[in-house]
Amino acid sequence: MAEGLISIDDFKRVDLRVGRVVEAEAVPGSRKLIRLVVDLGSEKRQVLAGLAKWYKPEDFLGKTVVVVANLKPKRMAGLESQGMLLATCGEDGRPVPLGVWDPGEVKPGERVC
């Protein structure tokens, strides 16, 4: 068994939601952060992603992404991040944001189950 295993009940506590990026911009004074506004259906959230080394803000516009919606807000670079964009950790160190296979099949705010 691998260390750090969690129960299904632990996993159910994580609220993963599909969102559509409707705004994206560099965070002034930060080399790492991109400020995203993600439409989660019933609300729009500001999410800060530490991906500026690999991506431009415009790369995110219109993309359908997966967000941890029930993460405690965190202040970074003077802004509040209200969720976390999920990404892989590639072998070469380059993260790849997780998206939706067929964005036409899902609506912003739908829960990942």
N, C-alpha and C. Protein backbone atom coordinates (compact mmCIF):
# COMPACT_ATOMS: atom_id res chain seq x y z
N MET A 1 0.83 -1.19 0.00
CA MET A 1 0.00 0.00 0.00
C MET A 1 0.87 1.25 0.00
N ALA A 2 0.46 2.21 -0.74
CA ALA A 2 1.17 3.48 -0.78
C ALA A 2 0.89 4.29 0.48
N GLU A 3 1.88 5.04 0.90
CA GLU A 3 1.70 5.91 2.07
C GLU A 3 0.80 7.08 1.71
N GLY A 4 0.13 7.61 2.69
CA GLY A 4 -0.69 8.79 2.48
C GLY A 4 -2.03 8.54 1.82
N LEU A 5 -2.48 7.29 1.82
CA LEU A 5 -3.78 6.99 1.22
C LEU A 5 -4.90 7.67 2.01
N ILE A 6 -5.91 8.12 1.28
CA ILE A 6 -7.07 8.73 1.93
C ILE A 6 -8.28 7.84 1.67
N SER A 7 -9.30 8.04 2.48
CA SER A 7 -10.53 7.28 2.31
C SER A 7 -11.41 7.98 1.27
N ILE A 8 -12.40 7.27 0.80
CA ILE A 8 -13.36 7.85 -0.14
C ILE A 8 -14.08 9.02 0.52
N ASP A 9 -14.30 8.94 1.82
CA ASP A 9 -14.95 10.04 2.53
C ASP A 9 -14.07 11.29 2.53
N ASP A 10 -12.74 11.10 2.67
CA ASP A 10 -11.82 12.23 2.58
C ASP A 10 -11.92 12.87 1.20
N PHE A 11 -11.91 12.04 0.16
CA PHE A 11 -11.96 12.54 -1.21
C PHE A 11 -13.25 13.30 -1.48
N LYS A 12 -14.36 12.81 -0.95
CA LYS A 12 -15.66 13.46 -1.17
C LYS A 12 -15.71 14.87 -0.61
N ARG A 13 -14.81 15.19 0.31
CA ARG A 13 -14.77 16.53 0.89
C ARG A 13 -14.20 17.56 -0.09
N VAL A 14 -13.46 17.09 -1.10
CA VAL A 14 -12.87 18.00 -2.09
C VAL A 14 -13.91 18.29 -3.16
N ASP A 15 -14.23 19.57 -3.33
CA ASP A 15 -15.24 20.00 -4.30
C ASP A 15 -14.55 20.42 -5.59
N LEU A 16 -14.48 19.49 -6.55
CA LEU A 16 -13.89 19.78 -7.85
C LEU A 16 -14.99 20.21 -8.79
N ARG A 17 -14.80 21.38 -9.42
CA ARG A 17 -15.81 21.94 -10.31
C ARG A 17 -15.22 22.27 -11.66
N VAL A 18 -16.05 22.18 -12.68
CA VAL A 18 -15.68 22.60 -14.01
C VAL A 18 -15.92 24.11 -14.10
N GLY A 19 -14.97 24.81 -14.68
CA GLY A 19 -15.12 26.25 -14.85
C GLY A 19 -14.61 26.69 -16.20
N ARG A 20 -15.11 27.82 -16.66
CA ARG A 20 -14.65 28.39 -17.93
C ARG A 20 -13.94 29.69 -17.63
N VAL A 21 -12.72 29.83 -18.12
CA VAL A 21 -11.92 31.04 -17.88
C VAL A 21 -12.47 32.17 -18.75
N VAL A 22 -12.93 33.25 -18.08
CA VAL A 22 -13.52 34.38 -18.80
C VAL A 22 -12.64 35.63 -18.78
N GLU A 23 -11.66 35.66 -17.89
CA GLU A 23 -10.68 36.76 -17.84
C GLU A 23 -9.34 36.17 -17.44
N ALA A 24 -8.27 36.75 -17.95
CA ALA A 24 -6.93 36.32 -17.57
C ALA A 24 -5.97 37.49 -17.77
N GLU A 25 -5.10 37.69 -16.78
CA GLU A 25 -4.11 38.76 -16.89
C GLU A 25 -2.91 38.45 -15.99
N ALA A 26 -1.79 39.06 -16.33
CA ALA A 26 -0.60 38.93 -15.50
C ALA A 26 -0.86 39.68 -14.19
N VAL A 27 -0.26 39.21 -13.12
CA VAL A 27 -0.37 39.89 -11.83
C VAL A 27 0.80 40.87 -11.74
N PRO A 28 0.49 42.17 -11.63
CA PRO A 28 1.57 43.17 -11.54
C PRO A 28 2.52 42.86 -10.38
N GLY A 29 3.81 42.95 -10.66
CA GLY A 29 4.81 42.72 -9.63
C GLY A 29 5.14 41.27 -9.36
N SER A 30 4.53 40.35 -10.11
CA SER A 30 4.80 38.92 -9.91
C SER A 30 5.26 38.30 -11.22
N ARG A 31 6.30 37.51 -11.15
CA ARG A 31 6.78 36.78 -12.33
C ARG A 31 6.10 35.42 -12.47
N LYS A 32 5.46 34.98 -11.40
CA LYS A 32 4.90 33.63 -11.36
C LYS A 32 3.39 33.56 -11.59
N LEU A 33 2.66 34.58 -11.13
CA LEU A 33 1.21 34.46 -11.04
C LEU A 33 0.46 35.01 -12.25
N ILE A 34 -0.60 34.30 -12.59
CA ILE A 34 -1.59 34.76 -13.56
C ILE A 34 -2.91 34.82 -12.82
N ARG A 35 -3.62 35.94 -12.99
CA ARG A 35 -4.94 36.11 -12.37
C ARG A 35 -5.99 35.65 -13.38
N LEU A 36 -6.79 34.68 -12.96
CA LEU A 36 -7.87 34.15 -13.78
C LEU A 36 -9.20 34.46 -13.12
N VAL A 37 -10.20 34.77 -13.92
CA VAL A 37 -11.57 34.81 -13.44
C VAL A 37 -12.25 33.62 -14.09
N VAL A 38 -12.77 32.72 -13.23
CA VAL A 38 -13.34 31.47 -13.69
C VAL A 38 -14.84 31.47 -13.41
N ASP A 39 -15.62 31.23 -14.47
CA ASP A 39 -17.07 31.12 -14.34
C ASP A 39 -17.40 29.72 -13.85
N LEU A 40 -17.98 29.66 -12.65
CA LEU A 40 -18.38 28.38 -12.07
C LEU A 40 -19.89 28.18 -12.12
N GLY A 41 -20.53 28.82 -13.08
CA GLY A 41 -21.97 28.66 -13.25
C GLY A 41 -22.76 29.66 -12.43
N SER A 42 -22.82 29.45 -11.12
CA SER A 42 -23.61 30.34 -10.26
C SER A 42 -22.79 31.53 -9.77
N GLU A 43 -21.48 31.52 -10.02
CA GLU A 43 -20.63 32.63 -9.58
C GLU A 43 -19.33 32.63 -10.38
N LYS A 44 -18.65 33.75 -10.31
CA LYS A 44 -17.33 33.88 -10.91
C LYS A 44 -16.33 34.03 -9.79
N ARG A 45 -15.21 33.31 -9.91
CA ARG A 45 -14.18 33.33 -8.88
C ARG A 45 -12.86 33.80 -9.45
N GLN A 46 -12.12 34.51 -8.62
CA GLN A 46 -10.75 34.89 -8.95
C GLN A 46 -9.83 33.77 -8.46
N VAL A 47 -9.03 33.24 -9.37
CA VAL A 47 -8.09 32.17 -9.04
C VAL A 47 -6.71 32.61 -9.52
N LEU A 48 -5.72 32.54 -8.63
CA LEU A 48 -4.35 32.87 -8.99
C LEU A 48 -3.61 31.57 -9.28
N ALA A 49 -2.97 31.52 -10.43
CA ALA A 49 -2.24 30.32 -10.83
C ALA A 49 -0.77 30.66 -11.04
N GLY A 50 0.11 29.88 -10.45
CA GLY A 50 1.55 30.11 -10.56
C GLY A 50 2.12 29.50 -11.82
N LEU A 51 1.60 29.91 -12.96
CA LEU A 51 1.96 29.30 -14.24
C LEU A 51 2.56 30.27 -15.25
N ALA A 52 2.87 31.49 -14.82
CA ALA A 52 3.34 32.52 -15.76
C ALA A 52 4.68 32.19 -16.41
N LYS A 53 5.46 31.32 -15.80
CA LYS A 53 6.74 30.91 -16.39
C LYS A 53 6.52 30.12 -17.68
N TRP A 54 5.39 29.43 -17.77
CA TRP A 54 5.13 28.53 -18.89
C TRP A 54 4.01 28.99 -19.83
N TYR A 55 3.13 29.86 -19.34
CA TYR A 55 1.96 30.24 -20.13
C TYR A 55 1.75 31.75 -20.10
N LYS A 56 1.07 32.25 -21.14
CA LYS A 56 0.64 33.64 -21.20
C LYS A 56 -0.81 33.68 -20.73
N PRO A 57 -1.24 34.79 -20.16
CA PRO A 57 -2.64 34.87 -19.73
C PRO A 57 -3.63 34.50 -20.83
N GLU A 58 -3.38 34.97 -22.05
CA GLU A 58 -4.33 34.71 -23.13
C GLU A 58 -4.46 33.22 -23.48
N ASP A 59 -3.49 32.40 -23.08
CA ASP A 59 -3.59 30.96 -23.31
C ASP A 59 -4.78 30.34 -22.59
N PHE A 60 -5.25 31.00 -21.53
CA PHE A 60 -6.32 30.46 -20.69
C PHE A 60 -7.72 30.90 -21.11
N LEU A 61 -7.82 31.99 -21.84
CA LEU A 61 -9.14 32.54 -22.18
C LEU A 61 -10.01 31.53 -22.92
N GLY A 62 -11.22 31.33 -22.41
CA GLY A 62 -12.17 30.43 -23.02
C GLY A 62 -11.95 28.96 -22.71
N LYS A 63 -10.89 28.62 -22.00
CA LYS A 63 -10.61 27.21 -21.69
C LYS A 63 -11.54 26.70 -20.59
N THR A 64 -11.89 25.44 -20.69
CA THR A 64 -12.68 24.78 -19.65
C THR A 64 -11.71 24.01 -18.77
N VAL A 65 -11.68 24.36 -17.49
CA VAL A 65 -10.67 23.85 -16.56
C VAL A 65 -11.35 23.19 -15.37
N VAL A 66 -10.52 22.56 -14.53
CA VAL A 66 -11.01 21.95 -13.29
C VAL A 66 -10.42 22.74 -12.12
N VAL A 67 -11.30 23.12 -11.19
CA VAL A 67 -10.93 23.97 -10.06
C VAL A 67 -11.33 23.31 -8.75
N VAL A 68 -10.45 23.41 -7.74
CA VAL A 68 -10.83 23.03 -6.38
C VAL A 68 -11.62 24.22 -5.84
N ALA A 69 -12.93 24.03 -5.69
CA ALA A 69 -13.82 25.15 -5.35
C ALA A 69 -13.97 25.39 -3.86
N ASN A 70 -13.63 24.41 -3.03
CA ASN A 70 -13.83 24.60 -1.59
C ASN A 70 -12.50 24.75 -0.83
N LEU A 71 -11.49 25.25 -1.52
CA LEU A 71 -10.22 25.52 -0.88
C LEU A 71 -10.30 26.86 -0.15
N LYS A 72 -9.76 26.91 1.03
CA LYS A 72 -9.75 28.15 1.81
C LYS A 72 -9.05 29.25 1.00
N PRO A 73 -9.64 30.45 0.88
CA PRO A 73 -9.00 31.54 0.13
C PRO A 73 -7.62 31.87 0.69
N LYS A 74 -6.73 32.29 -0.22
CA LYS A 74 -5.37 32.63 0.18
C LYS A 74 -4.95 33.92 -0.52
N ARG A 75 -4.29 34.81 0.24
CA ARG A 75 -3.79 36.06 -0.34
C ARG A 75 -2.38 35.84 -0.88
N MET A 76 -2.20 36.30 -2.12
CA MET A 76 -0.90 36.24 -2.77
C MET A 76 -0.74 37.51 -3.60
N ALA A 77 0.41 38.14 -3.50
CA ALA A 77 0.71 39.34 -4.28
C ALA A 77 -0.39 40.40 -4.12
N GLY A 78 -0.97 40.46 -2.93
CA GLY A 78 -2.00 41.46 -2.65
C GLY A 78 -3.39 41.12 -3.16
N LEU A 79 -3.56 39.93 -3.74
CA LEU A 79 -4.86 39.51 -4.27
C LEU A 79 -5.30 38.24 -3.56
N GLU A 80 -6.61 38.00 -3.57
CA GLU A 80 -7.14 36.79 -2.95
C GLU A 80 -7.44 35.74 -4.01
N SER A 81 -6.89 34.55 -3.83
CA SER A 81 -7.22 33.43 -4.70
C SER A 81 -8.35 32.65 -4.04
N GLN A 82 -9.41 32.40 -4.82
CA GLN A 82 -10.61 31.77 -4.29
C GLN A 82 -10.81 30.36 -4.85
N GLY A 83 -9.72 29.65 -5.01
CA GLY A 83 -9.76 28.29 -5.53
C GLY A 83 -8.40 27.93 -6.08
N MET A 84 -8.30 26.74 -6.66
CA MET A 84 -7.04 26.29 -7.24
C MET A 84 -7.31 25.60 -8.57
N LEU A 85 -6.57 26.03 -9.57
CA LEU A 85 -6.62 25.39 -10.87
C LEU A 85 -5.80 24.11 -10.80
N LEU A 86 -6.35 22.99 -11.25
CA LEU A 86 -5.60 21.74 -11.23
C LEU A 86 -4.71 21.63 -12.46
N ALA A 87 -3.51 21.08 -12.25
CA ALA A 87 -2.55 20.87 -13.33
C ALA A 87 -1.73 19.63 -13.03
N THR A 88 -1.18 19.03 -14.07
CA THR A 88 -0.27 17.90 -13.88
C THR A 88 1.10 18.43 -13.50
N CYS A 89 1.95 17.55 -13.06
CA CYS A 89 3.36 17.86 -12.79
C CYS A 89 4.17 17.04 -13.78
N GLY A 90 4.46 17.61 -14.92
CA GLY A 90 5.17 16.88 -15.98
C GLY A 90 6.59 16.52 -15.61
N GLU A 91 7.15 15.52 -16.29
CA GLU A 91 8.51 15.07 -16.05
C GLU A 91 9.53 16.20 -16.20
N ASP A 92 9.31 17.05 -17.17
CA ASP A 92 10.26 18.14 -17.43
C ASP A 92 10.02 19.34 -16.52
N GLY A 93 9.08 19.22 -15.57
CA GLY A 93 8.79 20.31 -14.65
C GLY A 93 7.74 21.27 -15.15
N ARG A 94 7.32 21.11 -16.38
CA ARG A 94 6.30 22.01 -16.94
C ARG A 94 4.92 21.50 -16.58
N PRO A 95 4.17 22.30 -15.80
CA PRO A 95 2.81 21.89 -15.47
C PRO A 95 1.88 22.03 -16.68
N VAL A 96 0.90 21.17 -16.75
CA VAL A 96 -0.10 21.24 -17.80
C VAL A 96 -1.46 21.33 -17.13
N PRO A 97 -2.18 22.45 -17.31
CA PRO A 97 -3.50 22.60 -16.69
C PRO A 97 -4.45 21.49 -17.15
N LEU A 98 -5.24 20.98 -16.21
CA LEU A 98 -6.22 19.96 -16.54
C LEU A 98 -7.46 20.63 -17.12
N GLY A 99 -7.93 20.07 -18.21
CA GLY A 99 -9.11 20.60 -18.86
C GLY A 99 -10.14 19.51 -19.05
N VAL A 100 -11.15 19.83 -19.82
CA VAL A 100 -12.26 18.92 -20.07
C VAL A 100 -12.15 18.39 -21.49
N TRP A 101 -12.29 17.10 -21.65
CA TRP A 101 -12.15 16.42 -22.94
C TRP A 101 -13.06 17.06 -23.98
N ASP A 102 -14.35 17.18 -23.67
CA ASP A 102 -15.31 17.77 -24.60
C ASP A 102 -16.08 18.87 -23.88
N PRO A 103 -15.58 20.12 -23.97
CA PRO A 103 -16.21 21.22 -23.23
C PRO A 103 -17.68 21.42 -23.57
N GLY A 104 -18.12 21.00 -24.74
CA GLY A 104 -19.52 21.15 -25.10
C GLY A 104 -20.44 20.25 -24.31
N GLU A 105 -19.88 19.25 -23.65
CA GLU A 105 -20.66 18.28 -22.88
C GLU A 105 -20.92 18.71 -21.45
N VAL A 106 -20.22 19.74 -20.97
CA VAL A 106 -20.35 20.15 -19.57
C VAL A 106 -20.66 21.64 -19.47
N LYS A 107 -21.25 22.00 -18.35
CA LYS A 107 -21.56 23.40 -18.08
C LYS A 107 -20.70 23.87 -16.93
N PRO A 108 -20.32 25.16 -16.95
CA PRO A 108 -19.59 25.69 -15.79
C PRO A 108 -20.35 25.43 -14.50
N GLY A 109 -19.60 25.00 -13.50
CA GLY A 109 -20.19 24.71 -12.20
C GLY A 109 -20.49 23.26 -11.95
N GLU A 110 -20.48 22.44 -13.02
CA GLU A 110 -20.76 21.02 -12.80
C GLU A 110 -19.67 20.41 -11.94
N ARG A 111 -20.09 19.52 -11.08
CA ARG A 111 -19.16 18.89 -10.13
C ARG A 111 -18.48 17.69 -10.79
N VAL A 112 -17.20 17.54 -10.52
CA VAL A 112 -16.44 16.37 -10.97
C VAL A 112 -16.76 15.25 -10.00
N CYS A 113 -17.20 14.11 -10.52
CA CYS A 113 -17.56 13.00 -9.62
C CYS A 113 -16.84 11.73 -10.02
